[in-house]
Structure formats: structure tokens, C-alpha cells
Amino acid sequence: MSGGFPLVRPRRLRKSPTLRTLFQETELSVDDLVLPIFVEEGVQDFADITSMPGVRRIPESKLAGEVERYARAGIRAIMTFGISHHKDDVGSDTWREDGLVARMSRIAKQAVPEMVVMSDTCFCEYTDHGHCGVLHGGTVHNDQTLENIGKQAVVAAQAGADMIAPSAAMDGQVLAIRRALDAAGFEDTGIMAYSTKFASSLYGPFREAGGTTLQGDRKTYQMNPMNRREAVRESLLDEEEGADALMVKPAGAYLDVIRDIRDASRLPLAAYQVSGEYAMIKFGAAAGAVDEHKVVRETLGAIKRAGADLILTYFAMDIATQGL
């Protein structure tokens, strides 16, 4: 017999820890990770997020110290989300030069200039209705939102953000941001598009974390979780509009989509292990159902194996401080 058992025994490459490490196909390190953070204005103390054990809202006054702490641990990139106390119907605080979006980027870059600061570019945390843009008759108006999202992107870039990360899920948002940035002289500021963002049930804890007031859902502008071909189309459209990197959100339930987009595009590809994914692991571990350390490494490794170049995860600091 040739080409099969007993001559072929795959277990030969698994018989010791050294052999298993030597022949491991997918590598994961802290350099692959981006830490999402929540920054609240107008408060003095950290606030625990009950649905995301271990994650806290950071008082704006303590942001610099936290960014320094991340850098000492080996974190190289953060994604900023703001908890605003200045909401209105269009999220106008996001394009003020002294607004929270600008202040977060400015503080982070001044604290650790080498930290890569990605500015989440959206409106849901800054509007009194919790939607991601300008409402008309209960529906988000796509093109009016594009004008505002360009203004927000320019303000973030002026404040020092390295990457603009539009998550509003508006048609044409990457092109609108690219044109706004270029017109303002920020041709070198990159765009990491939330290019395939699903209307997922896994975002629940984020709403507590970000203080959003959404009533209803975002299904008219975020993607149907059951659509695989459309998922690839959405990312390729953002590539055509000038995105420098793409993203799939959420990650763990969409490994097939990550692989599809990896095969279809040569751009860097990110994946976001979202709040619900984080919470399930945390609560499962607290109940004794799973080993948190092992499950975190396995799930992040699976996202990397599927084709992601970088992963946004609330476990980033755990990886940095505890190792793999």
C-alpha cells in the first residue's frame, strides 16, 4: 500500500510539544491585535461594564495613563470609542475640533506617539436616537450622513488619528471620507473600513459599553447575516472606493466570510471579535464550562487561520500580559 495508512501516520508530527510547535501552520502574537477602548467624558472614575466582565469605561482624564499602560504591555494599536454627554439628532459633537472624537485621538497620540490610533468613525454613540446617521422619517438618510462622516474623519485626522475606521455602514462612506481627507491635506491618513458589517445579535454588550440609546435595529444599513455573496461584494466595493484595509464584523461566526474576502482581495484584512463573543467566553469561563485562557487562544487563532491579518479584541491586554 502506498499513499496511506500504515505508511502515512499524521500523528508522527504531534508526538511532542516541540514537534507540534515546529509544524504549527498559524501563528498568533500580540502584534496582530488591536485593543478597542471606551472613553467617557465628564466623569472621574472608571466604570465597570457589567455585560463585559473585565472591561471598563475609561474617564477621559485618565486616558493618557491608560494608553501608556497599554504601550508598556506591548499593545501597538487601539480603537477609540467615545461615551458622549453631548448628544443631538445628528451627532454634531463628532466634527467639532474640541469634541470627544478629536480629544481622544489627541490625548492618545500625545501620551504615546508611536501608538497606532484608529478612530471609530460613526454617530451611534453621539446621537440622541442611537442610529448611525441623520434620521429622516425613521430611516437613516445615507447621503446626508456621508457629508457629516467626512467632517468627522477630518477632525479625527487633524487630532492625530492614524487610521479612520468608518463603521456607519453607509453606501459610499469610504469614498466620501477619502475625498474629505484628501481635500483637507490628509492624503497619508489611512482608512480601515468596516467593509463587511453584519446586523448581528452579538453587539448587545457594546450598547451598554457605548451608552447608545437605539430603539429598533439597523437592518436597513447593516448586512443580513445570512448573505455570503453580498458580504464579499460589500468589501470589494469599499476596496474600489479607496479603502486601505478591510474588516469583517463580527468574527467568530463569520470565518467563512473572512476566508472568502481573503481569497478575493489582496488588501490587509481585519476581523472584530465583538462584545458578545467576548461576553460568552467570559461568562462561560465564570460558570466553569470552559477554560478561558485556552478558548481565547483557540478562537483568536481560528480567526487568524481563516485569513485575518489583524484582530480587534477586548482580550488584547490579556494576551499582552499573560502571553500565549
Protein backbone atom coordinates (compact mmCIF):
# COMPACT_ATOMS: atom_id res chain seq x y z
CA MET A 1 0.00 0.00 0.00
CA SER A 2 1.28 3.47 -0.83
CA GLY A 3 -0.02 6.93 -0.02
CA GLY A 4 -2.00 5.90 3.06
CA PHE A 5 -2.01 4.10 6.37
CA PRO A 6 0.12 2.40 7.69
CA LEU A 7 2.91 4.20 5.81
CA VAL A 8 1.31 7.61 6.41
CA ARG A 9 0.77 8.45 10.07
CA PRO A 10 0.00 12.15 10.71
CA ARG A 11 0.43 11.54 14.44
CA ARG A 12 4.20 11.42 13.91
CA LEU A 13 4.19 15.23 13.77
CA ARG A 14 2.22 15.53 17.01
CA LYS A 15 4.10 13.28 19.40
CA SER A 16 5.90 16.05 21.33
CA PRO A 17 5.28 19.69 22.20
CA THR A 18 8.35 20.71 20.20
CA LEU A 19 7.19 18.90 17.07
CA ARG A 20 3.70 20.35 17.39
CA THR A 21 5.13 23.85 17.67
CA LEU A 22 7.56 23.29 14.81
CA PHE A 23 4.81 22.22 12.42
CA GLN A 24 2.16 24.70 13.55
CA GLU A 25 0.75 26.45 10.49
CA THR A 26 -0.86 29.55 12.02
CA GLU A 27 0.95 31.94 14.36
CA LEU A 28 -0.72 34.48 16.61
CA SER A 29 1.02 37.24 18.53
CA VAL A 30 0.16 40.45 20.34
CA ASP A 31 1.40 42.31 17.24
CA ASP A 32 -1.69 41.00 15.42
CA LEU A 33 -4.10 42.60 17.89
CA VAL A 34 -5.94 45.92 18.22
CA LEU A 35 -7.47 46.87 21.57
CA PRO A 36 -10.88 48.60 21.42
CA ILE A 37 -11.38 51.07 24.29
CA PHE A 38 -14.32 53.08 25.65
CA VAL A 39 -13.65 56.64 26.81
CA GLU A 40 -16.23 58.62 28.76
CA GLU A 41 -16.23 62.37 29.09
CA GLY A 42 -17.31 64.30 32.18
CA VAL A 43 -16.59 61.58 34.76
CA GLN A 44 -13.75 60.96 37.20
CA ASP A 45 -13.88 57.23 37.87
CA PHE A 46 -13.63 54.05 35.86
CA ALA A 47 -16.98 52.31 35.34
CA ASP A 48 -17.32 48.55 35.07
CA ILE A 49 -19.33 47.23 32.13
CA THR A 50 -21.45 44.50 33.71
CA SER A 51 -22.09 42.60 30.48
CA MET A 52 -18.36 42.63 29.62
CA PRO A 53 -16.52 41.48 32.77
CA GLY A 54 -13.03 42.97 32.94
CA VAL A 55 -13.78 45.85 30.55
CA ARG A 56 -14.30 49.35 31.94
CA ARG A 57 -15.20 52.77 30.63
CA ILE A 58 -12.14 54.98 30.92
CA PRO A 59 -12.55 58.53 32.26
CA GLU A 60 -11.19 60.95 29.71
CA SER A 61 -8.95 62.44 32.40
CA LYS A 62 -7.21 59.06 32.81
CA LEU A 63 -6.92 58.13 29.14
CA ALA A 64 -3.27 59.17 28.80
CA GLY A 65 -2.21 56.93 31.66
CA GLU A 66 -4.14 54.00 30.25
CA VAL A 67 -2.58 54.37 26.80
CA GLU A 68 0.85 54.44 28.44
CA ARG A 69 -0.05 51.25 30.31
CA TYR A 70 -1.11 49.53 27.10
CA ALA A 71 2.13 50.52 25.41
CA ARG A 72 4.23 49.15 28.27
CA ALA A 73 2.39 45.84 27.93
CA GLY A 74 3.20 45.66 24.22
CA ILE A 75 -0.08 46.84 22.66
CA ARG A 76 0.67 48.67 19.43
CA ALA A 77 -2.80 49.78 18.29
CA ILE A 78 -6.06 50.93 19.86
CA MET A 79 -9.54 51.69 18.51
CA THR A 80 -11.28 54.59 20.27
CA PHE A 81 -14.99 54.68 21.09
CA GLY A 82 -16.47 57.64 22.95
CA ILE A 83 -19.25 57.84 25.53
CA SER A 84 -20.65 61.28 24.87
CA HIS A 85 -22.64 63.55 27.17
CA HIS A 86 -23.27 65.97 24.28
CA LYS A 87 -25.72 64.16 22.05
CA ASP A 88 -28.05 65.64 19.47
CA ASP A 89 -30.04 64.38 16.49
CA VAL A 90 -27.06 64.38 14.07
CA GLY A 91 -24.07 63.68 16.31
CA SER A 92 -22.52 67.10 15.69
CA ASP A 93 -20.04 66.78 18.57
CA THR A 94 -18.09 64.33 16.40
CA TRP A 95 -16.95 67.02 13.96
CA ARG A 96 -16.09 69.70 16.49
CA GLU A 97 -12.37 70.34 16.83
CA ASP A 98 -12.77 70.29 20.61
CA GLY A 99 -15.28 67.38 20.61
CA LEU A 100 -14.74 63.98 22.17
CA VAL A 101 -13.67 62.26 18.94
CA ALA A 102 -10.85 64.76 18.48
CA ARG A 103 -9.85 64.80 22.13
CA MET A 104 -9.47 61.01 22.32
CA SER A 105 -7.08 60.90 19.38
CA ARG A 106 -5.16 63.94 20.57
CA ILE A 107 -4.67 62.61 24.10
CA ALA A 108 -3.67 59.13 22.94
CA LYS A 109 -1.11 60.38 20.41
CA GLN A 110 0.39 62.87 22.85
CA ALA A 111 0.71 60.17 25.51
CA VAL A 112 2.33 57.57 23.22
CA PRO A 113 3.20 58.99 19.79
CA GLU A 114 4.12 55.58 18.40
CA MET A 115 0.74 54.05 19.32
CA VAL A 116 -1.40 53.45 16.24
CA VAL A 117 -4.67 55.25 16.95
CA MET A 118 -7.70 54.10 14.97
CA SER A 119 -10.71 56.38 15.29
CA ASP A 120 -14.05 54.61 15.05
CA THR A 121 -15.98 56.88 12.71
CA CYS A 122 -19.72 56.70 13.30
CA PHE A 123 -22.55 58.52 15.09
CA CYS A 124 -24.44 55.96 17.18
CA GLU A 125 -22.72 57.00 20.43
CA TYR A 126 -23.28 60.70 19.72
CA THR A 127 -26.91 60.82 18.54
CA ASP A 128 -29.89 61.01 20.87
CA HIS A 129 -31.68 58.35 18.79
CA GLY A 130 -28.76 55.91 18.68
CA HIS A 131 -28.71 55.42 14.93
CA CYS A 132 -25.56 55.77 12.83
CA GLY A 133 -26.51 58.91 10.91
CA VAL A 134 -29.14 61.51 10.07
CA LEU A 135 -32.70 60.27 10.54
CA HIS A 136 -35.46 61.08 8.05
CA GLY A 137 -38.85 59.57 8.79
CA GLY A 138 -37.32 56.91 10.98
CA THR A 139 -34.75 55.85 8.38
CA VAL A 140 -31.10 56.88 8.21
CA HIS A 141 -30.53 59.20 5.25
CA ASN A 142 -27.48 57.79 3.50
CA ASP A 143 -26.18 60.82 1.57
CA GLN A 144 -26.66 63.42 4.29
CA THR A 145 -24.80 61.11 6.65
CA LEU A 146 -21.91 60.92 4.16
CA GLU A 147 -21.38 64.66 4.39
CA ASN A 148 -21.17 64.50 8.17
CA ILE A 149 -18.95 61.44 8.26
CA GLY A 150 -16.40 63.22 6.08
CA LYS A 151 -16.30 66.09 8.57
CA GLN A 152 -15.81 63.68 11.47
CA ALA A 153 -12.95 61.94 9.68
CA VAL A 154 -11.10 65.20 9.04
CA VAL A 155 -11.41 66.25 12.68
CA ALA A 156 -10.00 62.89 13.84
CA ALA A 157 -7.11 63.13 11.38
CA GLN A 158 -6.33 66.69 12.48
CA ALA A 159 -6.17 65.44 16.07
CA GLY A 160 -3.61 62.78 15.13
CA ALA A 161 -5.58 59.63 14.32
CA ASP A 162 -3.51 57.28 12.16
CA MET A 163 -6.46 55.41 10.73
CA ILE A 164 -10.07 56.34 10.12
CA ALA A 165 -12.36 53.37 10.72
CA PRO A 166 -15.86 54.05 9.37
CA SER A 167 -18.45 51.76 10.97
CA ALA A 168 -21.65 53.59 9.98
CA ALA A 169 -22.36 51.13 7.13
CA MET A 170 -23.44 53.84 4.69
CA ASP A 171 -23.12 53.25 0.95
CA GLY A 172 -20.21 55.29 -0.39
CA GLN A 173 -18.74 56.15 3.01
CA VAL A 174 -15.16 55.20 2.13
CA LEU A 175 -15.16 57.37 -0.99
CA ALA A 176 -16.70 60.29 0.94
CA ILE A 177 -14.05 60.01 3.65
CA ARG A 178 -11.20 59.64 1.17
CA ARG A 179 -12.28 62.78 -0.68
CA ALA A 180 -12.71 64.74 2.57
CA LEU A 181 -9.32 63.68 3.91
CA ASP A 182 -7.52 64.43 0.67
CA ALA A 183 -9.18 67.84 0.33
CA ALA A 184 -8.01 68.69 3.86
CA GLY A 185 -4.42 67.63 3.15
CA PHE A 186 -4.53 64.23 4.88
CA GLU A 187 -3.64 62.06 1.89
CA ASP A 188 -1.49 59.83 4.13
CA THR A 189 -4.23 59.08 6.67
CA GLY A 190 -5.44 55.54 6.10
CA ILE A 191 -8.96 54.13 6.05
CA MET A 192 -9.72 50.77 7.61
CA ALA A 193 -13.28 50.14 6.50
CA TYR A 194 -15.80 48.11 8.45
CA SER A 195 -16.40 46.79 4.97
CA THR A 196 -18.50 43.74 5.84
CA LYS A 197 -20.53 44.57 8.93
CA PHE A 198 -23.44 42.34 9.79
CA ALA A 199 -26.65 43.29 11.63
CA SER A 200 -25.62 40.86 14.34
CA SER A 201 -27.21 39.89 17.64
CA LEU A 202 -23.70 39.75 19.12
CA TYR A 203 -23.41 43.51 19.63
CA GLY A 204 -25.64 43.60 22.71
CA PRO A 205 -22.98 44.30 25.37
CA PHE A 206 -21.48 47.06 23.21
CA ARG A 207 -24.65 49.08 23.58
CA GLU A 208 -24.18 49.15 27.34
CA ALA A 209 -20.49 49.92 26.94
CA GLY A 210 -21.05 52.76 24.47
CA GLY A 211 -24.17 54.18 26.08
CA THR A 212 -26.22 54.02 22.88
CA THR A 213 -29.95 54.74 23.05
CA LEU A 214 -31.03 52.82 19.97
CA GLN A 215 -34.64 51.77 19.65
CA GLY A 216 -35.21 49.18 16.95
CA ASP A 217 -32.45 47.84 14.74
CA ARG A 218 -30.01 48.75 11.97
CA LYS A 219 -31.08 46.18 9.41
CA THR A 220 -31.65 48.75 6.66
CA TYR A 221 -27.95 49.59 6.54
CA GLN A 222 -26.05 46.72 8.18
CA MET A 223 -25.84 43.38 6.38
CA ASN A 224 -28.11 40.35 6.60
CA PRO A 225 -26.10 37.69 8.49
CA MET A 226 -27.33 35.03 6.07
CA ASN A 227 -25.75 36.65 2.98
CA ARG A 228 -22.35 35.30 2.00
CA ARG A 229 -22.02 36.56 -1.57
CA GLU A 230 -23.17 40.03 -0.60
CA ALA A 231 -20.54 40.03 2.16
CA VAL A 232 -17.76 39.73 -0.40
CA ARG A 233 -19.40 42.32 -2.65
CA GLU A 234 -19.54 44.87 0.17
CA SER A 235 -15.82 44.57 0.89
CA LEU A 236 -14.86 44.73 -2.76
CA LEU A 237 -16.93 47.90 -3.15
CA ASP A 238 -15.00 49.51 -0.28
CA GLU A 239 -11.74 48.43 -1.91
CA GLU A 240 -12.83 50.17 -5.13
CA GLU A 241 -13.62 53.33 -3.14
CA GLY A 242 -10.09 53.51 -1.77
CA ALA A 243 -10.05 51.58 1.50
CA ASP A 244 -6.55 50.75 2.72
CA ALA A 245 -7.73 47.80 4.81
CA LEU A 246 -10.96 45.81 5.10
CA MET A 247 -12.80 44.34 8.07
CA VAL A 248 -15.32 41.63 8.88
CA LYS A 249 -17.50 42.21 11.96
CA PRO A 250 -18.30 40.02 13.93
CA ALA A 251 -15.54 37.47 13.52
CA GLY A 252 -16.13 34.06 15.07
CA ALA A 253 -19.47 33.27 13.44
CA TYR A 254 -18.21 34.51 10.05
CA LEU A 255 -14.98 32.61 9.46
CA ASP A 256 -16.28 31.55 6.03
CA VAL A 257 -16.71 35.21 5.08
CA ILE A 258 -13.22 36.08 6.33
CA ARG A 259 -11.81 33.33 4.10
CA ASP A 260 -13.92 34.41 1.12
CA ILE A 261 -12.73 38.01 1.37
CA ARG A 262 -9.14 36.93 1.95
CA ASP A 263 -9.31 34.98 -1.31
CA ALA A 264 -10.96 37.85 -3.19
CA SER A 265 -8.75 40.76 -2.09
CA ARG A 266 -5.08 41.48 -1.54
CA LEU A 267 -5.78 44.27 0.97
CA PRO A 268 -4.98 43.79 4.65
CA LEU A 269 -7.96 42.20 6.37
CA ALA A 270 -9.09 42.77 9.95
CA ALA A 271 -11.74 40.93 11.94
CA TYR A 272 -13.54 42.20 15.03
CA GLN A 273 -14.16 39.75 17.88
CA VAL A 274 -17.15 41.70 19.19
CA SER A 275 -18.61 42.29 22.63
CA GLY A 276 -21.00 39.34 22.52
CA GLU A 277 -18.20 36.96 21.58
CA TYR A 278 -16.14 38.32 24.45
CA ALA A 279 -19.03 38.05 26.91
CA MET A 280 -19.85 34.45 26.00
CA ILE A 281 -16.29 33.37 26.72
CA LYS A 282 -16.15 35.35 29.98
CA PHE A 283 -19.47 34.06 31.32
CA GLY A 284 -18.77 30.53 30.14
CA ALA A 285 -15.46 30.58 31.99
CA ALA A 286 -17.07 32.06 35.10
CA ALA A 287 -19.55 29.17 35.09
CA GLY A 288 -16.71 26.66 34.85
CA ALA A 289 -17.86 25.47 31.44
CA VAL A 290 -14.66 26.34 29.56
CA ASP A 291 -11.02 27.25 30.22
CA GLU A 292 -10.88 30.97 29.38
CA HIS A 293 -7.16 31.06 28.56
CA LYS A 294 -7.42 28.15 26.13
CA VAL A 295 -10.66 29.27 24.50
CA VAL A 296 -9.38 32.81 23.94
CA ARG A 297 -6.28 31.50 22.18
CA GLU A 298 -8.28 28.98 20.17
CA THR A 299 -10.89 31.47 18.96
CA LEU A 300 -8.32 34.14 18.08
CA GLY A 301 -6.21 31.51 16.33
CA ALA A 302 -9.21 30.39 14.30
CA ILE A 303 -9.86 33.97 13.17
CA LYS A 304 -6.22 34.30 12.12
CA ARG A 305 -6.32 30.89 10.42
CA ALA A 306 -9.37 31.93 8.42
CA GLY A 307 -7.35 34.74 6.86
CA ALA A 308 -7.42 37.80 9.12
CA ASP A 309 -4.19 39.78 9.30
CA LEU A 310 -5.20 41.62 12.46
CA ILE A 311 -7.88 41.12 15.08
CA LEU A 312 -9.74 43.65 17.17
CA THR A 313 -10.39 42.02 20.53
CA TYR A 314 -11.11 43.00 24.12
CA PHE A 315 -8.74 40.20 25.12
CA ALA A 316 -5.72 42.04 23.69
CA MET A 317 -4.39 43.13 27.08
CA ASP A 318 -4.81 39.61 28.45
CA ILE A 319 -2.71 38.28 25.59
CA ALA A 320 -0.11 41.03 26.13
CA THR A 321 0.23 40.42 29.86
CA GLN A 322 -0.32 36.65 30.07
CA GLY A 323 1.24 35.51 26.79
CA LEU A 324 0.09 32.71 24.53
